C-alpha atoms as a PDB file:
ATOM      1  CA  UNK A   1       2.890  43.000 -54.053  1.00  0.00           C
ATOM      2  CA  UNK A   2       0.332  44.368 -51.608  1.00  0.00           C
ATOM      3  CA  UNK A   3       0.486  48.038 -50.759  1.00  0.00           C
ATOM      4  CA  UNK A   4      -1.665  49.763 -48.153  1.00  0.00           C
ATOM      5  CA  UNK A   5      -1.487  53.554 -48.086  1.00  0.00           C
ATOM      6  CA  UNK A   6      -3.006  55.769 -45.379  1.00  0.00           C
ATOM      7  CA  UNK A   7      -5.770  53.260 -44.651  1.00  0.00           C
ATOM      8  CA  UNK A   8      -8.404  54.449 -42.195  1.00  0.00           C
ATOM      9  CA  UNK A   9     -11.394  52.331 -41.227  1.00  0.00           C
ATOM     10  CA  UNK A  10     -13.663  51.790 -38.285  1.00  0.00           C
ATOM     11  CA  UNK A  11     -17.164  51.438 -36.963  1.00  0.00           C
ATOM     12  CA  UNK A  12     -19.250  54.144 -35.300  1.00  0.00           C
ATOM     13  CA  UNK A  13     -18.241  52.805 -31.898  1.00  0.00           C
ATOM     14  CA  UNK A  14     -14.594  51.942 -32.654  1.00  0.00           C
ATOM     15  CA  UNK A  15     -11.800  53.181 -34.914  1.00  0.00           C
ATOM     16  CA  UNK A  16      -9.710  50.230 -36.145  1.00  0.00           C
ATOM     17  CA  UNK A  17      -7.074  51.904 -38.345  1.00  0.00           C
ATOM     18  CA  UNK A  18      -6.001  55.514 -38.674  1.00  0.00           C
ATOM     19  CA  UNK A  19      -3.784  56.185 -41.699  1.00  0.00           C
ATOM     20  CA  UNK A  20      -1.792  52.929 -41.577  1.00  0.00           C
ATOM     21  CA  UNK A  21       0.634  52.152 -44.391  1.00  0.00           C
ATOM     22  CA  UNK A  22       2.725  49.106 -45.274  1.00  0.00           C
ATOM     23  CA  UNK A  23       4.017  47.168 -48.283  1.00  0.00           C
ATOM     24  CA  UNK A  24       4.436  43.411 -48.699  1.00  0.00           C
ATOM     25  CA  UNK A  25       6.716  42.539 -51.583  1.00  0.00           C
ATOM     26  CA  UNK A  26       6.318  39.367 -53.660  1.00  0.00           C
ATOM     27  CA  UNK A  27       7.410  36.331 -51.662  1.00  0.00           C
ATOM     28  CA  UNK A  28       7.165  38.013 -48.270  1.00  0.00           C
ATOM     29  CA  UNK A  29       5.056  36.564 -45.492  1.00  0.00           C
ATOM     30  CA  UNK A  30       3.423  38.364 -42.594  1.00  0.00           C
ATOM     31  CA  UNK A  31       1.319  37.716 -39.533  1.00  0.00           C
ATOM     32  CA  UNK A  32      -1.063  40.104 -37.819  1.00  0.00           C
ATOM     33  CA  UNK A  33      -0.854  39.672 -34.064  1.00  0.00           C
ATOM     34  CA  UNK A  34      -3.046  41.385 -31.505  1.00  0.00           C
ATOM     35  CA  UNK A  35      -5.859  41.080 -29.010  1.00  0.00           C
ATOM     36  CA  UNK A  36      -9.354  39.993 -29.975  1.00  0.00           C
ATOM     37  CA  UNK A  37     -11.379  42.772 -31.565  1.00  0.00           C
ATOM     38  CA  UNK A  38      -8.451  44.864 -32.801  1.00  0.00           C
ATOM     39  CA  UNK A  39      -9.228  44.348 -36.501  1.00  0.00           C
ATOM     40  CA  UNK A  40      -6.784  41.658 -37.663  1.00  0.00           C
ATOM     41  CA  UNK A  41      -9.402  39.588 -39.494  1.00  0.00           C
ATOM     42  CA  UNK A  42     -11.066  42.713 -40.868  1.00  0.00           C
ATOM     43  CA  UNK A  43      -7.747  43.924 -42.292  1.00  0.00           C
ATOM     44  CA  UNK A  44      -7.079  40.596 -44.021  1.00  0.00           C
ATOM     45  CA  UNK A  45     -10.626  40.550 -45.394  1.00  0.00           C
ATOM     46  CA  UNK A  46     -10.237  44.135 -46.634  1.00  0.00           C
ATOM     47  CA  UNK A  47      -7.039  43.201 -48.472  1.00  0.00           C
ATOM     48  CA  UNK A  48      -8.646  40.108 -50.016  1.00  0.00           C
ATOM     49  CA  UNK A  49     -11.940  41.813 -50.978  1.00  0.00           C
ATOM     50  CA  UNK A  50     -11.656  45.615 -50.705  1.00  0.00           C
ATOM     51  CA  UNK A  51     -14.882  46.223 -52.659  1.00  0.00           C
ATOM     52  CA  UNK A  52     -16.898  45.061 -49.626  1.00  0.00           C
ATOM     53  CA  UNK A  53     -15.711  48.003 -47.513  1.00  0.00           C
ATOM     54  CA  UNK A  54     -15.991  51.792 -47.421  1.00  0.00           C
ATOM     55  CA  UNK A  55     -12.620  53.103 -46.252  1.00  0.00           C
ATOM     56  CA  UNK A  56     -10.211  55.997 -46.695  1.00  0.00           C
ATOM     57  CA  UNK A  57      -6.812  55.392 -48.278  1.00  0.00           C
ATOM     58  CA  UNK A  58      -5.647  52.888 -50.882  1.00  0.00           C
ATOM     59  CA  UNK A  59      -5.279  49.121 -51.076  1.00  0.00           C
ATOM     60  CA  UNK A  60      -3.217  48.116 -54.112  1.00  0.00           C
ATOM     61  CA  UNK A  61      -2.747  44.443 -54.961  1.00  0.00           C
ATOM     62  CA  UNK A  62      -0.895  43.022 -57.969  1.00  0.00           C
ATOM     63  CA  UNK A  63      -3.148  40.977 -60.249  1.00  0.00           C
ATOM     64  CA  UNK A  64      -0.892  37.920 -59.792  1.00  0.00           C
ATOM     65  CA  UNK A  65      -0.963  38.244 -56.002  1.00  0.00           C
ATOM     66  CA  UNK A  66      -2.185  35.142 -54.172  1.00  0.00           C
ATOM     67  CA  UNK A  67      -3.080  35.211 -50.513  1.00  0.00           C
ATOM     68  CA  UNK A  68      -3.104  32.130 -48.295  1.00  0.00           C
ATOM     69  CA  UNK A  69      -5.355  32.659 -45.304  1.00  0.00           C
ATOM     70  CA  UNK A  70      -6.476  30.336 -42.533  1.00  0.00           C
ATOM     71  CA  UNK A  71      -9.517  31.521 -40.614  1.00  0.00           C
ATOM     72  CA  UNK A  72      -9.952  30.929 -36.904  1.00  0.00           C
ATOM     73  CA  UNK A  73     -10.768  27.322 -36.031  1.00  0.00           C
ATOM     74  CA  UNK A  74     -14.449  26.435 -35.841  1.00  0.00           C
ATOM     75  CA  UNK A  75     -15.914  23.593 -33.785  1.00  0.00           C
ATOM     76  CA  UNK A  76     -16.123  21.336 -36.862  1.00  0.00           C
ATOM     77  CA  UNK A  77     -12.437  21.881 -37.612  1.00  0.00           C
ATOM     78  CA  UNK A  78     -11.477  21.021 -34.015  1.00  0.00           C
ATOM     79  CA  UNK A  79     -13.082  17.614 -34.482  1.00  0.00           C
ATOM     80  CA  UNK A  80     -10.834  16.744 -37.448  1.00  0.00           C
ATOM     81  CA  UNK A  81      -8.174  14.126 -36.826  1.00  0.00           C
ATOM     82  CA  UNK A  82      -5.164  16.115 -38.055  1.00  0.00           C
ATOM     83  CA  UNK A  83      -2.311  18.075 -36.576  1.00  0.00           C
ATOM     84  CA  UNK A  84      -2.190  21.878 -36.599  1.00  0.00           C
ATOM     85  CA  UNK A  85       0.647  21.694 -39.160  1.00  0.00           C
ATOM     86  CA  UNK A  86      -1.436  19.447 -41.448  1.00  0.00           C
ATOM     87  CA  UNK A  87      -4.415  21.796 -41.179  1.00  0.00           C
ATOM     88  CA  UNK A  88      -2.379  24.948 -41.830  1.00  0.00           C
ATOM     89  CA  UNK A  89      -0.355  23.483 -44.693  1.00  0.00           C
ATOM     90  CA  UNK A  90      -3.421  22.120 -46.521  1.00  0.00           C
ATOM     91  CA  UNK A  91      -4.227  25.480 -48.187  1.00  0.00           C
ATOM     92  CA  UNK A  92      -0.625  25.977 -49.293  1.00  0.00           C
ATOM     93  CA  UNK A  93      -0.410  22.459 -50.740  1.00  0.00           C
ATOM     94  CA  UNK A  94      -3.656  23.048 -52.681  1.00  0.00           C
ATOM     95  CA  UNK A  95      -2.406  26.419 -54.006  1.00  0.00           C
ATOM     96  CA  UNK A  96       0.909  24.885 -55.029  1.00  0.00           C
ATOM     97  CA  UNK A  97      -0.897  22.102 -56.931  1.00  0.00           C
ATOM     98  CA  UNK A  98      -2.806  24.733 -58.929  1.00  0.00           C
END
């Protein structure tokens, strides 16, 4: 389970989140969709490694929680000879093997 309670975070020039709350139960999947610069990657990074950030609110993550995350494609990844499905499923296949 991942629980976010009243999370507020931003930069001096831009507020990203103001008291957002949500819960993801075990086995649920989610996607963060939005325009560039709205904080999607920052939110995922905060959930994965909250100690790196100074924020208001709570991020609670079960100790058994595993997060599969695929970062934005870099130039090197674009040059790989594989389909999008193969690229995206690679992390899940590796996690399942563990």
